[in-house]
């Protein structure tokens, strides 16, 4: 089944362009207000063709909440042909949607007056870019920790451990605080990966 998942704010126009340009058999709308009058109209229009409409409520300003809910939604329909329109709603919601499309290899679109297909690499998730040694480090980080303690727990050599920390920082997975002791903490994205390991 072809499924169109779309972010939605208050402007129906972008969603109408996406509905016109992107083929689908089911419509899933991610929004902060499922009670808007626009959804009643959309449901009526979609009922003519027998298209199911599902509404998912999120806090559009909570990046990780949106990121996780979008990931759960994509996972629920992973055996279907998913297309994702990221043009509706606040930038935080759209950014979370686009980042998750990159992570899951889902076709992403942006609709204004026209619809543009965005460049998403399929078949490679962020999780696959994390090495086995980086996974060891991530699993051992609890809130903010002393890097030396993590190094001992993982059994990694000093130089290799330092290089891995720099790589993890570049990837946006972890952040370091260099005072008298090096402290390491996971970023929200790092926490997301830790929960999925």
Protein backbone atom coordinates (compact mmCIF):
# COMPACT_ATOMS: atom_id res chain seq x y z
CA UNK A 1 0.00 0.00 0.00
CA UNK A 2 1.20 3.54 -0.78
CA UNK A 3 1.16 5.63 2.38
CA UNK A 4 1.60 9.40 2.50
CA UNK A 5 2.71 10.64 5.91
CA UNK A 6 2.71 14.41 6.23
CA UNK A 7 3.47 17.06 8.81
CA UNK A 8 0.74 19.67 9.25
CA UNK A 9 0.52 23.08 10.91
CA UNK A 10 -2.38 25.39 10.10
CA UNK A 11 -2.02 25.88 6.33
CA UNK A 12 -3.97 23.38 4.26
CA UNK A 13 -2.46 24.63 0.97
CA UNK A 14 0.85 22.73 1.28
CA UNK A 15 -0.97 19.53 2.18
CA UNK A 16 -3.28 19.95 -0.82
CA UNK A 17 -0.27 20.28 -3.14
CA UNK A 18 1.27 17.13 -1.64
CA UNK A 19 -2.03 15.25 -1.98
CA UNK A 20 -2.23 16.31 -5.62
CA UNK A 21 1.39 15.45 -6.52
CA UNK A 22 2.24 12.36 -4.43
CA UNK A 23 0.30 9.17 -5.07
CA UNK A 24 -1.09 7.42 -1.97
CA UNK A 25 -3.76 5.02 -0.72
CA UNK A 26 -3.64 6.02 2.95
CA UNK A 27 -3.01 9.46 4.46
CA UNK A 28 -1.37 9.93 7.87
CA UNK A 29 -1.24 13.49 9.20
CA UNK A 30 1.10 14.44 12.05
CA UNK A 31 -0.18 17.54 13.84
CA UNK A 32 -0.52 19.24 17.20
CA UNK A 33 -4.29 19.79 16.84
CA UNK A 34 -6.34 16.88 15.43
CA UNK A 35 -9.52 18.87 16.15
CA UNK A 36 -9.00 21.46 13.39
CA UNK A 37 -11.89 22.01 10.97
CA UNK A 38 -9.48 21.37 8.09
CA UNK A 39 -9.32 17.68 9.02
CA UNK A 40 -13.09 17.26 8.80
CA UNK A 41 -12.94 18.63 5.25
CA UNK A 42 -9.96 16.42 4.37
CA UNK A 43 -11.73 13.32 5.73
CA UNK A 44 -14.84 14.15 3.67
CA UNK A 45 -12.79 14.58 0.50
CA UNK A 46 -10.79 11.38 1.09
CA UNK A 47 -13.93 9.36 1.89
CA UNK A 48 -15.07 9.88 -1.72
CA UNK A 49 -12.17 7.68 -2.89
CA UNK A 50 -12.26 5.41 0.15
CA UNK A 51 -8.89 6.65 1.39
CA UNK A 52 -8.27 6.11 5.10
CA UNK A 53 -7.06 9.15 7.08
CA UNK A 54 -5.16 8.76 10.35
CA UNK A 55 -4.25 11.68 12.64
CA UNK A 56 -1.28 11.52 15.00
CA UNK A 57 -0.89 14.15 17.71
CA UNK A 58 2.55 15.49 18.68
CA UNK A 59 4.03 18.53 20.40
CA UNK A 60 5.56 20.16 17.30
CA UNK A 61 8.16 22.05 19.37
CA UNK A 62 9.54 18.95 21.11
CA UNK A 63 12.15 17.75 18.60
CA UNK A 64 12.88 14.37 20.21
CA UNK A 65 9.19 13.69 20.85
CA UNK A 66 8.45 14.33 17.16
CA UNK A 67 11.52 12.37 16.04
CA UNK A 68 10.50 9.33 18.13
CA UNK A 69 6.79 9.44 17.17
CA UNK A 70 7.66 9.75 13.47
CA UNK A 71 10.10 6.83 13.79
CA UNK A 72 7.40 4.70 15.47
CA UNK A 73 4.94 5.58 12.71
CA UNK A 74 7.40 4.69 9.96
CA UNK A 75 8.25 1.41 11.72
CA UNK A 76 4.55 0.53 11.96
CA UNK A 77 4.21 0.79 8.17
CA UNK A 78 7.72 -0.38 7.20
CA UNK A 79 6.38 -3.10 4.88
CA UNK A 80 4.52 -0.51 2.80
CA UNK A 81 5.58 2.09 0.24
CA UNK A 82 5.99 5.19 2.45
CA UNK A 83 6.26 8.72 1.08
CA UNK A 84 6.79 11.57 3.55
CA UNK A 85 5.84 15.22 3.01
CA UNK A 86 7.86 17.39 5.41
CA UNK A 87 6.53 20.83 4.46
CA UNK A 88 3.77 21.40 7.02
CA UNK A 89 3.96 22.69 10.57
CA UNK A 90 6.74 24.37 12.54
CA UNK A 91 10.37 23.95 11.47
CA UNK A 92 11.09 21.74 14.50
CA UNK A 93 8.48 19.21 13.36
CA UNK A 94 9.65 19.35 9.73
CA UNK A 95 13.30 18.95 10.74
CA UNK A 96 12.50 15.92 12.91
CA UNK A 97 10.55 14.39 10.02
CA UNK A 98 13.32 14.96 7.49
CA UNK A 99 16.01 13.62 9.81
CA UNK A 100 13.96 10.49 10.48
CA UNK A 101 13.41 10.04 6.73
CA UNK A 102 17.20 10.12 6.31
CA UNK A 103 17.57 7.65 9.17
CA UNK A 104 14.96 5.22 7.84
CA UNK A 105 15.64 5.68 4.12
CA UNK A 106 12.09 6.89 3.43
CA UNK A 107 11.27 8.95 0.32
CA UNK A 108 10.87 12.57 1.42
CA UNK A 109 9.13 15.47 -0.32
CA UNK A 110 8.64 19.19 0.22
CA UNK A 111 5.49 20.79 -1.18
CA UNK A 112 4.93 24.50 -1.67
CA UNK A 113 3.49 25.54 -5.07
CA UNK A 114 5.15 22.41 -6.48
CA UNK A 115 6.36 19.21 -4.89
CA UNK A 116 10.09 18.50 -4.75
CA UNK A 117 11.56 15.09 -4.00
CA UNK A 118 14.37 15.46 -1.46
CA UNK A 119 17.63 13.49 -1.71
CA UNK A 120 17.39 10.60 0.75
CA UNK A 121 19.83 7.68 0.65
CA UNK A 122 17.91 4.44 0.93
CA UNK A 123 19.23 1.33 2.59
CA UNK A 124 21.51 3.00 5.17
CA UNK A 125 20.37 4.11 8.61
CA UNK A 126 22.24 6.23 11.14
CA UNK A 127 22.50 3.20 13.42
CA UNK A 128 24.58 1.41 10.79
CA UNK A 129 27.11 4.27 10.86
CA UNK A 130 27.86 3.63 14.54
CA UNK A 131 30.81 1.28 15.00
CA UNK A 132 30.87 -1.63 17.45
CA UNK A 133 33.30 0.26 19.72
CA UNK A 134 31.12 3.39 19.64
CA UNK A 135 28.17 1.20 20.66
CA UNK A 136 30.19 -0.03 23.66
CA UNK A 137 30.74 3.56 24.74
CA UNK A 138 27.10 4.59 24.19
CA UNK A 139 25.78 1.64 26.22
CA UNK A 140 27.98 2.62 29.18
CA UNK A 141 27.11 6.33 29.35
CA UNK A 142 24.58 7.15 32.05
CA UNK A 143 23.73 10.86 32.08
CA UNK A 144 27.03 12.79 32.32
CA UNK A 145 29.99 10.56 33.21
CA UNK A 146 33.71 10.66 33.71
CA UNK A 147 35.31 9.57 30.42
CA UNK A 148 38.03 7.61 32.26
CA UNK A 149 35.42 5.40 33.92
CA UNK A 150 33.79 4.71 30.55
CA UNK A 151 37.19 3.90 29.03
CA UNK A 152 37.84 1.31 31.75
CA UNK A 153 34.38 -0.25 31.37
CA UNK A 154 34.77 -0.62 27.60
CA UNK A 155 38.37 -1.89 27.72
CA UNK A 156 39.38 0.39 24.84
CA UNK A 157 42.92 1.77 24.64
CA UNK A 158 43.49 5.45 25.47
CA UNK A 159 44.26 6.68 21.95
CA UNK A 160 41.49 4.67 20.31
CA UNK A 161 39.00 5.81 22.96
CA UNK A 162 39.93 9.48 22.42
CA UNK A 163 39.53 9.14 18.64
CA UNK A 164 36.13 7.48 19.10
CA UNK A 165 34.98 10.31 21.40
CA UNK A 166 35.96 12.88 18.76
CA UNK A 167 34.11 10.90 16.07
CA UNK A 168 31.02 10.61 18.25
CA UNK A 169 31.12 14.35 18.88
CA UNK A 170 31.35 15.05 15.12
CA UNK A 171 28.39 12.73 14.49
CA UNK A 172 26.34 14.61 17.10
CA UNK A 173 25.94 11.52 19.30
CA UNK A 174 27.89 12.72 22.33
CA UNK A 175 29.23 15.95 23.78
CA UNK A 176 32.33 16.44 25.88
CA UNK A 177 33.11 18.87 28.67
CA UNK A 178 36.83 19.39 29.22
CA UNK A 179 37.43 20.75 32.71
CA UNK A 180 39.78 19.07 35.17
CA UNK A 181 38.36 15.73 33.98
CA UNK A 182 36.84 14.92 30.62
CA UNK A 183 33.09 14.46 31.07
CA UNK A 184 30.98 12.80 28.41
CA UNK A 185 27.21 12.92 27.88
CA UNK A 186 24.91 11.70 25.15
CA UNK A 187 23.04 14.22 23.03
CA UNK A 188 19.29 13.63 22.48
CA UNK A 189 20.20 11.78 19.26
CA UNK A 190 22.72 9.68 21.21
CA UNK A 191 19.99 8.84 23.75
CA UNK A 192 17.74 7.79 20.88
CA UNK A 193 20.39 5.35 19.66
CA UNK A 194 21.08 4.02 23.17
CA UNK A 195 17.40 3.16 23.62
CA UNK A 196 17.40 1.29 20.30
CA UNK A 197 20.44 -0.87 21.11
